[in-house]
Amino acid sequence: MLTPRENQILSLKAIGFSDKEIGCQLAISIETVKKTVCNIKERIRLWKVTELVAWWHCNRIGEDFIELKKRILSVTVSLVLLFATCLQVVKSDDVVRLFRARAASMKPARAMRRQDELTFDFDIAC
């Protein structure tokens, strides 16, 4: 699907080279690199360089990029729904009341601990 030169440019892009570094490496101008990347994106119908790099890696390992993208999207949506469900549980009145009751029951224990610490400090000072 890609010409050898396009594949060369895209492989350097996938490694993390900048357009300037790719141009220097292949002895071509930066504008040529940018134009080639734009042409590849238009031909494959991807609009972001990150998608293009992911597509290139998927092709190297024989994975279908569109299916991978769908799976990633479905996992992301599932995690968002799970997180939203957890937030609804936390905002529930029962949970809030339980939390407040537990916090109120812990206050006397904290006060007792402080009183014991003060007594202990006083005993040492004498």
PDB file of N, CA and C in Angstrom:
ATOM      1  N   MET A   1       0.810  -1.194   0.000  1.00  0.00           N
ATOM      2  CA  MET A   1       0.000   0.000   0.000  1.00  0.00           C
ATOM      3  C   MET A   1       0.863   1.272   0.000  1.00  0.00           C
ATOM      4  N   LEU A   2       1.996   1.225   0.702  1.00  0.00           N
ATOM      5  CA  LEU A   2       2.911   2.371   0.708  1.00  0.00           C
ATOM      6  C   LEU A   2       4.098   2.106  -0.192  1.00  0.00           C
ATOM      7  N   THR A   3       4.624   3.177  -0.757  1.00  0.00           N
ATOM      8  CA  THR A   3       5.843   3.051  -1.549  1.00  0.00           C
ATOM      9  C   THR A   3       7.002   2.827  -0.577  1.00  0.00           C
ATOM     10  N   PRO A   4       8.126   2.328  -1.080  1.00  0.00           N
ATOM     11  CA  PRO A   4       9.277   2.126  -0.187  1.00  0.00           C
ATOM     12  C   PRO A   4       9.721   3.415   0.518  1.00  0.00           C
ATOM     13  N   ARG A   5       9.660   4.544  -0.188  1.00  0.00           N
ATOM     14  CA  ARG A   5      10.074   5.825   0.403  1.00  0.00           C
ATOM     15  C   ARG A   5       9.084   6.273   1.488  1.00  0.00           C
ATOM     16  N   GLU A   6       7.780   6.096   1.221  1.00  0.00           N
ATOM     17  CA  GLU A   6       6.771   6.437   2.217  1.00  0.00           C
ATOM     18  C   GLU A   6       6.926   5.559   3.459  1.00  0.00           C
ATOM     19  N   ASN A   7       7.192   4.300   3.224  1.00  0.00           N
ATOM     20  CA  ASN A   7       7.405   3.374   4.338  1.00  0.00           C
ATOM     21  C   ASN A   7       8.630   3.778   5.154  1.00  0.00           C
ATOM     22  N   GLN A   8       9.667   4.227   4.476  1.00  0.00           N
ATOM     23  CA  GLN A   8      10.883   4.685   5.145  1.00  0.00           C
ATOM     24  C   GLN A   8      10.592   5.902   6.027  1.00  0.00           C
ATOM     25  N   ILE A   9       9.883   6.871   5.481  1.00  0.00           N
ATOM     26  CA  ILE A   9       9.545   8.084   6.221  1.00  0.00           C
ATOM     27  C   ILE A   9       8.652   7.747   7.405  1.00  0.00           C
ATOM     28  N   LEU A  10       7.655   6.904   7.183  1.00  0.00           N
ATOM     29  CA  LEU A  10       6.727   6.542   8.244  1.00  0.00           C
ATOM     30  C   LEU A  10       7.407   5.719   9.340  1.00  0.00           C
ATOM     31  N   SER A  11       8.357   4.872   8.959  1.00  0.00           N
ATOM     32  CA  SER A  11       9.067   4.092   9.985  1.00  0.00           C
ATOM     33  C   SER A  11       9.904   5.004  10.875  1.00  0.00           C
ATOM     34  N   LEU A  12      10.530   6.022  10.305  1.00  0.00           N
ATOM     35  CA  LEU A  12      11.293   6.973  11.114  1.00  0.00           C
ATOM     36  C   LEU A  12      10.358   7.808  11.994  1.00  0.00           C
ATOM     37  N   LYS A  13       9.198   8.142  11.463  1.00  0.00           N
ATOM     38  CA  LYS A  13       8.198   8.885  12.238  1.00  0.00           C
ATOM     39  C   LYS A  13       7.719   8.039  13.411  1.00  0.00           C
ATOM     40  N   ALA A  14       7.534   6.750  13.168  1.00  0.00           N
ATOM     41  CA  ALA A  14       7.074   5.827  14.215  1.00  0.00           C
ATOM     42  C   ALA A  14       8.103   5.670  15.320  1.00  0.00           C
ATOM     43  N   ILE A  15       9.359   5.751  14.986  1.00  0.00           N
ATOM     44  CA  ILE A  15      10.433   5.652  15.982  1.00  0.00           C
ATOM     45  C   ILE A  15      10.467   6.906  16.851  1.00  0.00           C
ATOM     46  N   GLY A  16       9.967   8.019  16.318  1.00  0.00           N
ATOM     47  CA  GLY A  16       9.938   9.249  17.095  1.00  0.00           C
ATOM     48  C   GLY A  16      10.770  10.377  16.515  1.00  0.00           C
ATOM     49  N   PHE A  17      11.252  10.194  15.306  1.00  0.00           N
ATOM     50  CA  PHE A  17      12.040  11.243  14.667  1.00  0.00           C
ATOM     51  C   PHE A  17      11.142  12.431  14.320  1.00  0.00           C
ATOM     52  N   SER A  18      11.677  13.634  14.412  1.00  0.00           N
ATOM     53  CA  SER A  18      10.952  14.827  13.978  1.00  0.00           C
ATOM     54  C   SER A  18      11.068  14.937  12.459  1.00  0.00           C
ATOM     55  N   ASP A  19      10.281  15.834  11.885  1.00  0.00           N
ATOM     56  CA  ASP A  19      10.343  16.030  10.428  1.00  0.00           C
ATOM     57  C   ASP A  19      11.738  16.474   9.996  1.00  0.00           C
ATOM     58  N   LYS A  20      12.349  17.334  10.790  1.00  0.00           N
ATOM     59  CA  LYS A  20      13.697  17.822  10.473  1.00  0.00           C
ATOM     60  C   LYS A  20      14.712  16.675  10.507  1.00  0.00           C
ATOM     61  N   GLU A  21      14.605  15.823  11.536  1.00  0.00           N
ATOM     62  CA  GLU A  21      15.528  14.683  11.646  1.00  0.00           C
ATOM     63  C   GLU A  21      15.329  13.694  10.507  1.00  0.00           C
ATOM     64  N   ILE A  22      14.084  13.472  10.112  1.00  0.00           N
ATOM     65  CA  ILE A  22      13.803  12.568   8.984  1.00  0.00           C
ATOM     66  C   ILE A  22      14.400  13.140   7.711  1.00  0.00           C
ATOM     67  N   GLY A  23      14.215  14.459   7.516  1.00  0.00           N
ATOM     68  CA  GLY A  23      14.778  15.118   6.337  1.00  0.00           C
ATOM     69  C   GLY A  23      16.293  14.979   6.272  1.00  0.00           C
ATOM     70  N   CYS A  24      16.949  15.187   7.405  1.00  0.00           N
ATOM     71  CA  CYS A  24      18.418  15.052   7.444  1.00  0.00           C
ATOM     72  C   CYS A  24      18.846  13.609   7.197  1.00  0.00           C
ATOM     73  N   GLN A  25      18.137  12.665   7.804  1.00  0.00           N
ATOM     74  CA  GLN A  25      18.472  11.243   7.677  1.00  0.00           C
ATOM     75  C   GLN A  25      18.359  10.772   6.225  1.00  0.00           C
ATOM     76  N   LEU A  26      17.299  11.232   5.531  1.00  0.00           N
ATOM     77  CA  LEU A  26      17.043  10.751   4.167  1.00  0.00           C
ATOM     78  C   LEU A  26      17.502  11.731   3.087  1.00  0.00           C
ATOM     79  N   ALA A  27      18.119  12.829   3.492  1.00  0.00           N
ATOM     80  CA  ALA A  27      18.610  13.862   2.579  1.00  0.00           C
ATOM     81  C   ALA A  27      17.486  14.424   1.708  1.00  0.00           C
ATOM     82  N   ILE A  28      16.376  14.778   2.335  1.00  0.00           N
ATOM     83  CA  ILE A  28      15.250  15.425   1.657  1.00  0.00           C
ATOM     84  C   ILE A  28      14.833  16.627   2.494  1.00  0.00           C
ATOM     85  N   SER A  29      14.051  17.523   1.891  1.00  0.00           N
ATOM     86  CA  SER A  29      13.645  18.724   2.624  1.00  0.00           C
ATOM     87  C   SER A  29      12.534  18.404   3.630  1.00  0.00           C
ATOM     88  N   ILE A  30      12.400  19.286   4.606  1.00  0.00           N
ATOM     89  CA  ILE A  30      11.361  19.125   5.622  1.00  0.00           C
ATOM     90  C   ILE A  30       9.982  19.200   4.972  1.00  0.00           C
ATOM     91  N   GLU A  31       9.834  20.063   3.974  1.00  0.00           N
ATOM     92  CA  GLU A  31       8.551  20.192   3.277  1.00  0.00           C
ATOM     93  C   GLU A  31       8.168  18.888   2.577  1.00  0.00           C
ATOM     94  N   THR A  32       9.155  18.197   2.022  1.00  0.00           N
ATOM     95  CA  THR A  32       8.900  16.910   1.373  1.00  0.00           C
ATOM     96  C   THR A  32       8.408  15.889   2.395  1.00  0.00           C
ATOM     97  N   VAL A  33       9.025  15.900   3.562  1.00  0.00           N
ATOM     98  CA  VAL A  33       8.611  14.980   4.627  1.00  0.00           C
ATOM     99  C   VAL A  33       7.170  15.280   5.020  1.00  0.00           C
ATOM    100  N   LYS A  34       6.867  16.560   5.271  1.00  0.00           N
ATOM    101  CA  LYS A  34       5.513  16.946   5.676  1.00  0.00           C
ATOM    102  C   LYS A  34       4.483  16.593   4.610  1.00  0.00           C
ATOM    103  N   LYS A  35       4.820  16.856   3.361  1.00  0.00           N
ATOM    104  CA  LYS A  35       3.894  16.570   2.252  1.00  0.00           C
ATOM    105  C   LYS A  35       3.661  15.069   2.117  1.00  0.00           C
ATOM    106  N   THR A  36       4.711  14.293   2.263  1.00  0.00           N
ATOM    107  CA  THR A  36       4.588  12.834   2.165  1.00  0.00           C
ATOM    108  C   THR A  36       3.699  12.298   3.279  1.00  0.00           C
ATOM    109  N   VAL A  37       3.905  12.784   4.503  1.00  0.00           N
ATOM    110  CA  VAL A  37       3.081  12.346   5.633  1.00  0.00           C
ATOM    111  C   VAL A  37       1.621  12.732   5.398  1.00  0.00           C
ATOM    112  N   CYS A  38       1.391  13.943   4.902  1.00  0.00           N
ATOM    113  CA  CYS A  38       0.016  14.374   4.591  1.00  0.00           C
ATOM    114  C   CYS A  38      -0.614  13.493   3.521  1.00  0.00           C
ATOM    115  N   ASN A  39       0.146  13.157   2.498  1.00  0.00           N
ATOM    116  CA  ASN A  39      -0.368  12.285   1.428  1.00  0.00           C
ATOM    117  C   ASN A  39      -0.728  10.898   1.962  1.00  0.00           C
ATOM    118  N   ILE A  40       0.116  10.369   2.840  1.00  0.00           N
ATOM    119  CA  ILE A  40      -0.156   9.053   3.428  1.00  0.00           C
ATOM    120  C   ILE A  40      -1.437   9.123   4.266  1.00  0.00           C
ATOM    121  N   LYS A  41      -1.568  10.181   5.080  1.00  0.00           N
ATOM    122  CA  LYS A  41      -2.756  10.322   5.930  1.00  0.00           C
ATOM    123  C   LYS A  41      -4.028  10.419   5.082  1.00  0.00           C
ATOM    124  N   GLU A  42      -3.967  11.163   4.002  1.00  0.00           N
ATOM    125  CA  GLU A  42      -5.141  11.290   3.127  1.00  0.00           C
ATOM    126  C   GLU A  42      -5.478   9.958   2.455  1.00  0.00           C
ATOM    127  N   ARG A  43      -4.474   9.234   2.012  1.00  0.00           N
ATOM    128  CA  ARG A  43      -4.708   7.972   1.327  1.00  0.00           C
ATOM    129  C   ARG A  43      -5.301   6.924   2.270  1.00  0.00           C
ATOM    130  N   ILE A  44      -4.800   6.891   3.511  1.00  0.00           N
ATOM    131  CA  ILE A  44      -5.261   5.905   4.475  1.00  0.00           C
ATOM    132  C   ILE A  44      -6.513   6.409   5.211  1.00  0.00           C
ATOM    133  N   ARG A  45      -6.783   7.693   5.094  1.00  0.00           N
ATOM    134  CA  ARG A  45      -7.930   8.348   5.748  1.00  0.00           C
ATOM    135  C   ARG A  45      -7.791   8.378   7.264  1.00  0.00           C
ATOM    136  N   LEU A  46      -6.616   8.728   7.689  1.00  0.00           N
ATOM    137  CA  LEU A  46      -6.346   8.979   9.095  1.00  0.00           C
ATOM    138  C   LEU A  46      -5.918  10.436   9.196  1.00  0.00           C
ATOM    139  N   TRP A  47      -6.306  11.106  10.270  1.00  0.00           N
ATOM    140  CA  TRP A  47      -6.070  12.544  10.333  1.00  0.00           C
ATOM    141  C   TRP A  47      -5.026  12.950  11.352  1.00  0.00           C
ATOM    142  N   LYS A  48      -4.630  12.041  12.209  1.00  0.00           N
ATOM    143  CA  LYS A  48      -3.621  12.361  13.228  1.00  0.00           C
ATOM    144  C   LYS A  48      -2.371  11.525  12.993  1.00  0.00           C
ATOM    145  N   VAL A  49      -1.239  12.110  13.312  1.00  0.00           N
ATOM    146  CA  VAL A  49       0.036  11.400  13.143  1.00  0.00           C
ATOM    147  C   VAL A  49       0.093  10.206  14.090  1.00  0.00           C
ATOM    148  N   THR A  50      -0.460  10.345  15.292  1.00  0.00           N
ATOM    149  CA  THR A  50      -0.444   9.235  16.245  1.00  0.00           C
ATOM    150  C   THR A  50      -1.223   8.036  15.703  1.00  0.00           C
ATOM    151  N   GLU A  51      -2.362   8.298  15.035  1.00  0.00           N
ATOM    152  CA  GLU A  51      -3.122   7.209  14.413  1.00  0.00           C
ATOM    153  C   GLU A  51      -2.327   6.574  13.273  1.00  0.00           C
ATOM    154  N   LEU A  52      -1.636   7.413  12.539  1.00  0.00           N
ATOM    155  CA  LEU A  52      -0.821   6.919  11.425  1.00  0.00           C
ATOM    156  C   LEU A  52       0.299   6.006  11.933  1.00  0.00           C
ATOM    157  N   VAL A  53       0.937   6.400  13.018  1.00  0.00           N
ATOM    158  CA  VAL A  53       2.009   5.589  13.611  1.00  0.00           C
ATOM    159  C   VAL A  53       1.432   4.271  14.139  1.00  0.00           C
ATOM    160  N   ALA A  54       0.274   4.352  14.799  1.00  0.00           N
ATOM    161  CA  ALA A  54      -0.373   3.128  15.298  1.00  0.00           C
ATOM    162  C   ALA A  54      -0.744   2.218  14.135  1.00  0.00           C
ATOM    163  N   TRP A  55      -1.251   2.788  13.044  1.00  0.00           N
ATOM    164  CA  TRP A  55      -1.594   2.014  11.850  1.00  0.00           C
ATOM    165  C   TRP A  55      -0.348   1.313  11.306  1.00  0.00           C
ATOM    166  N   TRP A  56       0.756   2.034  11.253  1.00  0.00           N
ATOM    167  CA  TRP A  56       2.000   1.463  10.729  1.00  0.00           C
ATOM    168  C   TRP A  56       2.454   0.286  11.585  1.00  0.00           C
ATOM    169  N   HIS A  57       2.404   0.451  12.921  1.00  0.00           N
ATOM    170  CA  HIS A  57       2.807  -0.640  13.814  1.00  0.00           C
ATOM    171  C   HIS A  57       1.867  -1.836  13.665  1.00  0.00           C
ATOM    172  N   CYS A  58       0.575  -1.577  13.550  1.00  0.00           N
ATOM    173  CA  CYS A  58      -0.392  -2.672  13.366  1.00  0.00           C
ATOM    174  C   CYS A  58      -0.106  -3.439  12.086  1.00  0.00           C
ATOM    175  N   ASN A  59       0.214  -2.734  11.016  1.00  0.00           N
ATOM    176  CA  ASN A  59       0.538  -3.405   9.751  1.00  0.00           C
ATOM    177  C   ASN A  59       1.796  -4.249   9.861  1.00  0.00           C
ATOM    178  N   ARG A  60       2.754  -3.794  10.644  1.00  0.00           N
ATOM    179  CA  ARG A  60       3.991  -4.563  10.816  1.00  0.00           C
ATOM    180  C   ARG A  60       3.746  -5.879  11.530  1.00  0.00           C
ATOM    181  N   ILE A  61       2.806  -5.893  12.502  1.00  0.00           N
ATOM    182  CA  ILE A  61       2.550  -7.132  13.245  1.00  0.00           C
ATOM    183  C   ILE A  61       1.354  -7.905  12.689  1.00  0.00           C
ATOM    184  N   GLY A  62       0.736  -7.362  11.644  1.00  0.00           N
ATOM    185  CA  GLY A  62      -0.375  -8.074  11.007  1.00  0.00           C
ATOM    186  C   GLY A  62      -1.709  -7.894  11.701  1.00  0.00           C
ATOM    187  N   GLU A  63      -1.871  -6.840  12.472  1.00  0.00           N
ATOM    188  CA  GLU A  63      -3.118  -6.562  13.193  1.00  0.00           C
ATOM    189  C   GLU A  63      -3.955  -5.569  12.395  1.00  0.00           C
ATOM    190  N   ASP A  64      -5.272  -5.749  12.411  1.00  0.00           N
ATOM    191  CA  ASP A  64      -6.169  -4.822  11.724  1.00  0.00           C
ATOM    192  C   ASP A  64      -6.361  -3.587  12.602  1.00  0.00           C
ATOM    193  N   PHE A  65      -5.942  -2.429  12.105  1.00  0.00           N
ATOM    194  CA  PHE A  65      -5.962  -1.196  12.887  1.00  0.00           C
ATOM    195  C   PHE A  65      -7.381  -0.772  13.256  1.00  0.00           C
ATOM    196  N   ILE A  66      -8.324  -0.896  12.330  1.00  0.00           N
ATOM    197  CA  ILE A  66      -9.702  -0.469  12.594  1.00  0.00           C
ATOM    198  C   ILE A  66     -10.306  -1.306  13.721  1.00  0.00           C
ATOM    199  N   GLU A  67     -10.079  -2.617  13.702  1.00  0.00           N
ATOM    200  CA  GLU A  67     -10.589  -3.485  14.768  1.00  0.00           C
ATOM    201  C   GLU A  67      -9.940  -3.145  16.106  1.00  0.00           C
ATOM    202  N   LEU A  68      -8.648  -2.875  16.082  1.00  0.00           N
ATOM    203  CA  LEU A  68      -7.941  -2.489  17.301  1.00  0.00           C
ATOM    204  C   LEU A  68      -8.496  -1.181  17.848  1.00  0.00           C
ATOM    205  N   LYS A  69      -8.757  -0.239  16.971  1.00  0.00           N
ATOM    206  CA  LYS A  69      -9.314   1.051  17.366  1.00  0.00           C
ATOM    207  C   LYS A  69     -10.701   0.868  17.983  1.00  0.00           C
ATOM    208  N   LYS A  70     -11.509  -0.021  17.414  1.00  0.00           N
ATOM    209  CA  LYS A  70     -12.843  -0.294  17.955  1.00  0.00           C
ATOM    210  C   LYS A  70     -12.742  -0.919  19.348  1.00  0.00           C
ATOM    211  N   ARG A  71     -11.801  -1.855  19.515  1.00  0.00           N
ATOM    212  CA  ARG A  71     -11.629  -2.493  20.826  1.00  0.00           C
ATOM    213  C   ARG A  71     -11.181  -1.496  21.880  1.00  0.00           C
ATOM    214  N   ILE A  72     -10.247  -0.628  21.513  1.00  0.00           N
ATOM    215  CA  ILE A  72      -9.769   0.387  22.454  1.00  0.00           C
ATOM    216  C   ILE A  72     -10.914   1.324  22.832  1.00  0.00           C
ATOM    217  N   LEU A  73     -11.709   1.708  21.855  1.00  0.00           N
ATOM    218  CA  LEU A  73     -12.848   2.586  22.123  1.00  0.00           C
ATOM    219  C   LEU A  73     -13.865   1.917  23.039  1.00  0.00           C
ATOM    220  N   SER A  74     -14.136   0.630  22.806  1.00  0.00           N
ATOM    221  CA  SER A  74     -15.118  -0.060  23.651  1.00  0.00           C
ATOM    222  C   SER A  74     -14.612  -0.216  25.084  1.00  0.00           C
ATOM    223  N   VAL A  75     -13.325  -0.480  25.252  1.00  0.00           N
ATOM    224  CA  VAL A  75     -12.758  -0.577  26.601  1.00  0.00           C
ATOM    225  C   VAL A  75     -12.813   0.787  27.287  1.00  0.00           C
ATOM    226  N   THR A  76     -12.515   1.848  26.557  1.00  0.00           N
ATOM    227  CA  THR A  76     -12.561   3.198  27.119  1.00  0.00           C
ATOM    228  C   THR A  76     -13.968   3.550  27.570  1.00  0.00           C
ATOM    229  N   VAL A  77     -14.953   3.264  26.738  1.00  0.00           N
ATOM    230  CA  VAL A  77     -16.346   3.546  27.093  1.00  0.00           C
ATOM    231  C   VAL A  77     -16.751   2.724  28.313  1.00  0.00           C
ATOM    232  N   SER A  78     -16.339   1.471  28.363  1.00  0.00           N
ATOM    233  CA  SER A  78     -16.658   0.621  29.519  1.00  0.00           C
ATOM    234  C   SER A  78     -16.068   1.187  30.799  1.00  0.00           C
ATOM    235  N   LEU A  79     -14.825   1.654  30.736  1.00  0.00           N
ATOM    236  CA  LEU A  79     -14.192   2.234  31.920  1.00  0.00           C
ATOM    237  C   LEU A  79     -14.877   3.522  32.358  1.00  0.00           C
ATOM    238  N   VAL A  80     -15.298   4.336  31.394  1.00  0.00           N
ATOM    239  CA  VAL A  80     -16.007   5.567  31.733  1.00  0.00           C
ATOM    240  C   VAL A  80     -17.333   5.237  32.408  1.00  0.00           C
ATOM    241  N   LEU A  81     -18.059   4.265  31.871  1.00  0.00           N
ATOM    242  CA  LEU A  81     -19.331   3.870  32.479  1.00  0.00           C
ATOM    243  C   LEU A  81     -19.122   3.294  33.879  1.00  0.00           C
ATOM    244  N   LEU A  82     -18.083   2.499  34.042  1.00  0.00           N
ATOM    245  CA  LEU A  82     -17.779   1.931  35.353  1.00  0.00           C
ATOM    246  C   LEU A  82     -17.451   3.039  36.356  1.00  0.00           C
ATOM    247  N   PHE A  83     -16.664   3.994  35.940  1.00  0.00           N
ATOM    248  CA  PHE A  83     -16.297   5.116  36.797  1.00  0.00           C
ATOM    249  C   PHE A  83     -17.529   5.936  37.163  1.00  0.00           C
ATOM    250  N   ALA A  84     -18.409   6.183  36.182  1.00  0.00           N
ATOM    251  CA  ALA A  84     -19.635   6.942  36.452  1.00  0.00           C
ATOM    252  C   ALA A  84     -20.524   6.196  37.439  1.00  0.00           C
ATOM    253  N   THR A  85     -20.588   4.879  37.305  1.00  0.00           N
ATOM    254  CA  THR A  85     -21.374   4.071  38.237  1.00  0.00           C
ATOM    255  C   THR A  85     -20.799   4.160  39.642  1.00  0.00           C
ATOM    256  N   CYS A  86     -19.491   4.096  39.758  1.00  0.00           N
ATOM    257  CA  CYS A  86     -18.842   4.208  41.065  1.00  0.00           C
ATOM    258  C   CYS A  86     -19.116   5.572  41.688  1.00  0.00           C
ATOM    259  N   LEU A  87     -19.103   6.624  40.893  1.00  0.00           N
ATOM    260  CA  LEU A  87     -19.390   7.954  41.419  1.00  0.00           C
ATOM    261  C   LEU A  87     -20.817   8.046  41.939  1.00  0.00           C
ATOM    262  N   GLN A  88     -21.745   7.399  41.239  1.00  0.00           N
ATOM    263  CA  GLN A  88     -23.130   7.425  41.694  1.00  0.00           C
ATOM    264  C   GLN A  88     -23.273   6.705  43.026  1.00  0.00           C
ATOM    265  N   VAL A  89     -22.545   5.621  43.217  1.00  0.00           N
ATOM    266  CA  VAL A  89     -22.594   4.883  44.479  1.00  0.00           C
ATOM    267  C   VAL A  89     -22.028   5.748  45.602  1.00  0.00           C
ATOM    268  N   VAL A  90     -20.943   6.421  45.343  1.00  0.00           N
ATOM    269  CA  VAL A  90     -20.308   7.248  46.365  1.00  0.00           C
ATOM    270  C   VAL A  90     -21.205   8.423  46.740  1.00  0.00           C
ATOM    271  N   LYS A  91     -21.941   8.964  45.777  1.00  0.00           N
ATOM    272  CA  LYS A  91     -22.804  10.094  46.053  1.00  0.00           C
ATOM    273  C   LYS A  91     -24.121   9.678  46.703  1.00  0.00           C
ATOM    274  N   SER A  92     -24.351   8.401  46.810  1.00  0.00           N
ATOM    275  CA  SER A  92     -25.579   7.910  47.415  1.00  0.00           C
ATOM    276  C   SER A  92     -25.697   8.413  48.847  1.00  0.00           C
ATOM    277  N   ASP A  93     -26.908   8.771  49.263  1.00  0.00           N
ATOM    278  CA  ASP A  93     -27.134   9.303  50.612  1.00  0.00           C
ATOM    279  C   ASP A  93     -26.752   8.305  51.692  1.00  0.00           C
ATOM    280  N   ASP A  94     -27.022   7.032  51.468  1.00  0.00           N
ATOM    281  CA  ASP A  94     -26.703   6.016  52.472  1.00  0.00           C
ATOM    282  C   ASP A  94     -25.208   5.965  52.759  1.00  0.00           C
ATOM    283  N   VAL A  95     -24.414   6.031  51.708  1.00  0.00           N
ATOM    284  CA  VAL A  95     -22.965   5.969  51.878  1.00  0.00           C
ATOM    285  C   VAL A  95     -22.467   7.216  52.598  1.00  0.00           C
ATOM    286  N   VAL A  96     -23.020   8.363  52.241  1.00  0.00           N
ATOM    287  CA  VAL A  96     -22.605   9.610  52.883  1.00  0.00           C
ATOM    288  C   VAL A  96     -22.965   9.582  54.367  1.00  0.00           C
ATOM    289  N   ARG A  97     -24.179   9.107  54.695  1.00  0.00           N
ATOM    290  CA  ARG A  97     -24.585   9.012  56.094  1.00  0.00           C
ATOM    291  C   ARG A  97     -23.691   8.049  56.871  1.00  0.00           C
ATOM    292  N   LEU A  98     -23.376   6.926  56.256  1.00  0.00           N
ATOM    293  CA  LEU A  98     -22.504   5.946  56.898  1.00  0.00           C
ATOM    294  C   LEU A  98     -21.131   6.543  57.170  1.00  0.00           C
ATOM    295  N   PHE A  99     -20.599   7.274  56.202  1.00  0.00           N
ATOM    296  CA  PHE A  99     -19.298   7.905  56.358  1.00  0.00           C
ATOM    297  C   PHE A  99     -19.313   8.925  57.492  1.00  0.00           C
ATOM    298  N   ARG A 100     -20.362   9.748  57.543  1.00  0.00           N
ATOM    299  CA  ARG A 100     -20.461  10.757  58.596  1.00  0.00           C
ATOM    300  C   ARG A 100     -20.593  10.108  59.973  1.00  0.00           C
ATOM    301  N   ALA A 101     -21.374   9.033  60.059  1.00  0.00           N
ATOM    302  CA  ALA A 101     -21.544   8.337  61.337  1.00  0.00           C
ATOM    303  C   ALA A 101     -20.220   7.760  61.797  1.00  0.00           C
ATOM    304  N   ARG A 102     -19.461   7.202  60.874  1.00  0.00           N
ATOM    305  CA  ARG A 102     -18.162   6.612  61.234  1.00  0.00           C
ATOM    306  C   ARG A 102     -17.194   7.696  61.682  1.00  0.00           C
ATOM    307  N   ALA A 103     -17.207   8.828  60.972  1.00  0.00           N
ATOM    308  CA  ALA A 103     -16.317   9.934  61.347  1.00  0.00           C
ATOM    309  C   ALA A 103     -16.679  10.471  62.724  1.00  0.00           C
ATOM    310  N   ALA A 104     -17.976  10.558  63.014  1.00  0.00           N
ATOM    311  CA  ALA A 104     -18.413  11.061  64.321  1.00  0.00           C
ATOM    312  C   ALA A 104     -18.013  10.102  65.433  1.00  0.00           C
ATOM    313  N   SER A 105     -18.074   8.813  65.179  1.00  0.00           N
ATOM    314  CA  SER A 105     -17.705   7.836  66.211  1.00  0.00           C
ATOM    315  C   SER A 105     -16.208   7.811  66.467  1.00  0.00           C
ATOM    316  N   MET A 106     -15.414   8.281  65.508  1.00  0.00           N
ATOM    317  CA  MET A 106     -13.961   8.267  65.677  1.00  0.00           C
ATOM    318  C   MET A 106     -13.463   9.487  66.441  1.00  0.00           C
ATOM    319  N   LYS A 107     -14.247  10.555  66.536  1.00  0.00           N
ATOM    320  CA  LYS A 107     -13.789  11.773  67.213  1.00  0.00           C
ATOM    321  C   LYS A 107     -13.462  11.537  68.684  1.00  0.00           C
ATOM    322  N   PRO A 108     -14.304  10.847  69.451  1.00  0.00           N
ATOM    323  CA  PRO A 108     -13.935  10.617  70.855  1.00  0.00           C
ATOM    324  C   PRO A 108     -12.646   9.810  70.999  1.00  0.00           C
ATOM    325  N   ALA A 109     -12.429   8.852  70.137  1.00  0.00           N
ATOM    326  CA  ALA A 109     -11.204   8.046  70.212  1.00  0.00           C
ATOM    327  C   ALA A 109      -9.979   8.915  69.965  1.00  0.00           C
ATOM    328  N   ARG A 110     -10.084   9.851  69.022  1.00  0.00           N
ATOM    329  CA  ARG A 110      -8.962  10.748  68.757  1.00  0.00           C
ATOM    330  C   ARG A 110      -8.700  11.646  69.965  1.00  0.00           C
ATOM    331  N   ALA A 111      -9.784  12.136  70.580  1.00  0.00           N
ATOM    332  CA  ALA A 111      -9.629  13.004  71.746  1.00  0.00           C
ATOM    333  C   ALA A 111      -8.974  12.242  72.898  1.00  0.00           C
ATOM    334  N   MET A 112      -9.373  10.992  73.094  1.00  0.00           N
ATOM    335  CA  MET A 112      -8.780  10.168  74.154  1.00  0.00           C
ATOM    336  C   MET A 112      -7.295   9.958  73.895  1.00  0.00           C
ATOM    337  N   ARG A 113      -6.958   9.695  72.633  1.00  0.00           N
ATOM    338  CA  ARG A 113      -5.560   9.495  72.297  1.00  0.00           C
ATOM    339  C   ARG A 113      -4.750  10.745  72.611  1.00  0.00           C
ATOM    340  N   ARG A 114      -5.272  11.896  72.259  1.00  0.00           N
ATOM    341  CA  ARG A 114      -4.564  13.140  72.526  1.00  0.00           C
ATOM    342  C   ARG A 114      -4.398  13.352  74.034  1.00  0.00           C
ATOM    343  N   GLN A 115      -5.443  13.050  74.787  1.00  0.00           N
ATOM    344  CA  GLN A 115      -5.376  13.224  76.243  1.00  0.00           C
ATOM    345  C   GLN A 115      -4.315  12.300  76.840  1.00  0.00           C
ATOM    346  N   ASP A 116      -4.259  11.058  76.350  1.00  0.00           N
ATOM    347  CA  ASP A 116      -3.242  10.120  76.825  1.00  0.00           C
ATOM    348  C   ASP A 116      -1.845  10.612  76.485  1.00  0.00           C
ATOM    349  N   GLU A 117      -1.677  11.175  75.275  1.00  0.00           N
ATOM    350  CA  GLU A 117      -0.372  11.691  74.879  1.00  0.00           C
ATOM    351  C   GLU A 117       0.045  12.848  75.762  1.00  0.00           C
ATOM    352  N   LEU A 118      -0.914  13.737  76.086  1.00  0.00           N
ATOM    353  CA  LEU A 118      -0.595  14.865  76.948  1.00  0.00           C
ATOM    354  C   LEU A 118      -0.215  14.397  78.349  1.00  0.00           C
ATOM    355  N   THR A 119      -0.945  13.419  78.862  1.00  0.00           N
ATOM    356  CA  THR A 119      -0.644  12.877  80.179  1.00  0.00           C
ATOM    357  C   THR A 119       0.734  12.239  80.182  1.00  0.00           C
ATOM    358  N   PHE A 120       1.021  11.486  79.144  1.00  0.00           N
ATOM    359  CA  PHE A 120       2.314  10.825  79.032  1.00  0.00           C
ATOM    360  C   PHE A 120       3.433  11.861  78.984  1.00  0.00           C
ATOM    361  N   ASP A 121       3.227  12.922  78.185  1.00  0.00           N
ATOM    362  CA  ASP A 121       4.249  13.980  78.103  1.00  0.00           C
ATOM    363  C   ASP A 121       4.425  14.650  79.452  1.00  0.00           C
ATOM    364  N   PHE A 122       3.360  14.864  80.173  1.00  0.00           N
ATOM    365  CA  PHE A 122       3.433  15.504  81.476  1.00  0.00           C
ATOM    366  C   PHE A 122       4.190  14.644  82.477  1.00  0.00           C
ATOM    367  N   ASP A 123       3.929  13.324  82.439  1.00  0.00           N
ATOM    368  CA  ASP A 123       4.614  12.417  83.347  1.00  0.00           C
ATOM    369  C   ASP A 123       6.124  12.418  83.102  1.00  0.00           C
ATOM    370  N   ILE A 124       6.514  12.475  81.862  1.00  0.00           N
ATOM    371  CA  ILE A 124       7.951  12.494  81.524  1.00  0.00           C
ATOM    372  C   ILE A 124       8.584  13.781  82.021  1.00  0.00           C
ATOM    373  N   ALA A 125       7.872  14.891  81.865  1.00  0.00           N
ATOM    374  CA  ALA A 125       8.426  16.180  82.275  1.00  0.00           C
ATOM    375  C   ALA A 125       8.634  16.254  83.780  1.00  0.00           C
ATOM    376  N   CYS A 126       7.838  15.594  84.585  1.00  0.00           N
ATOM    377  CA  CYS A 126       7.979  15.636  86.036  1.00  0.00           C
ATOM    378  C   CYS A 126       9.151  14.785  86.415  1.00  0.00           C
TER     379      CYS A 126
END
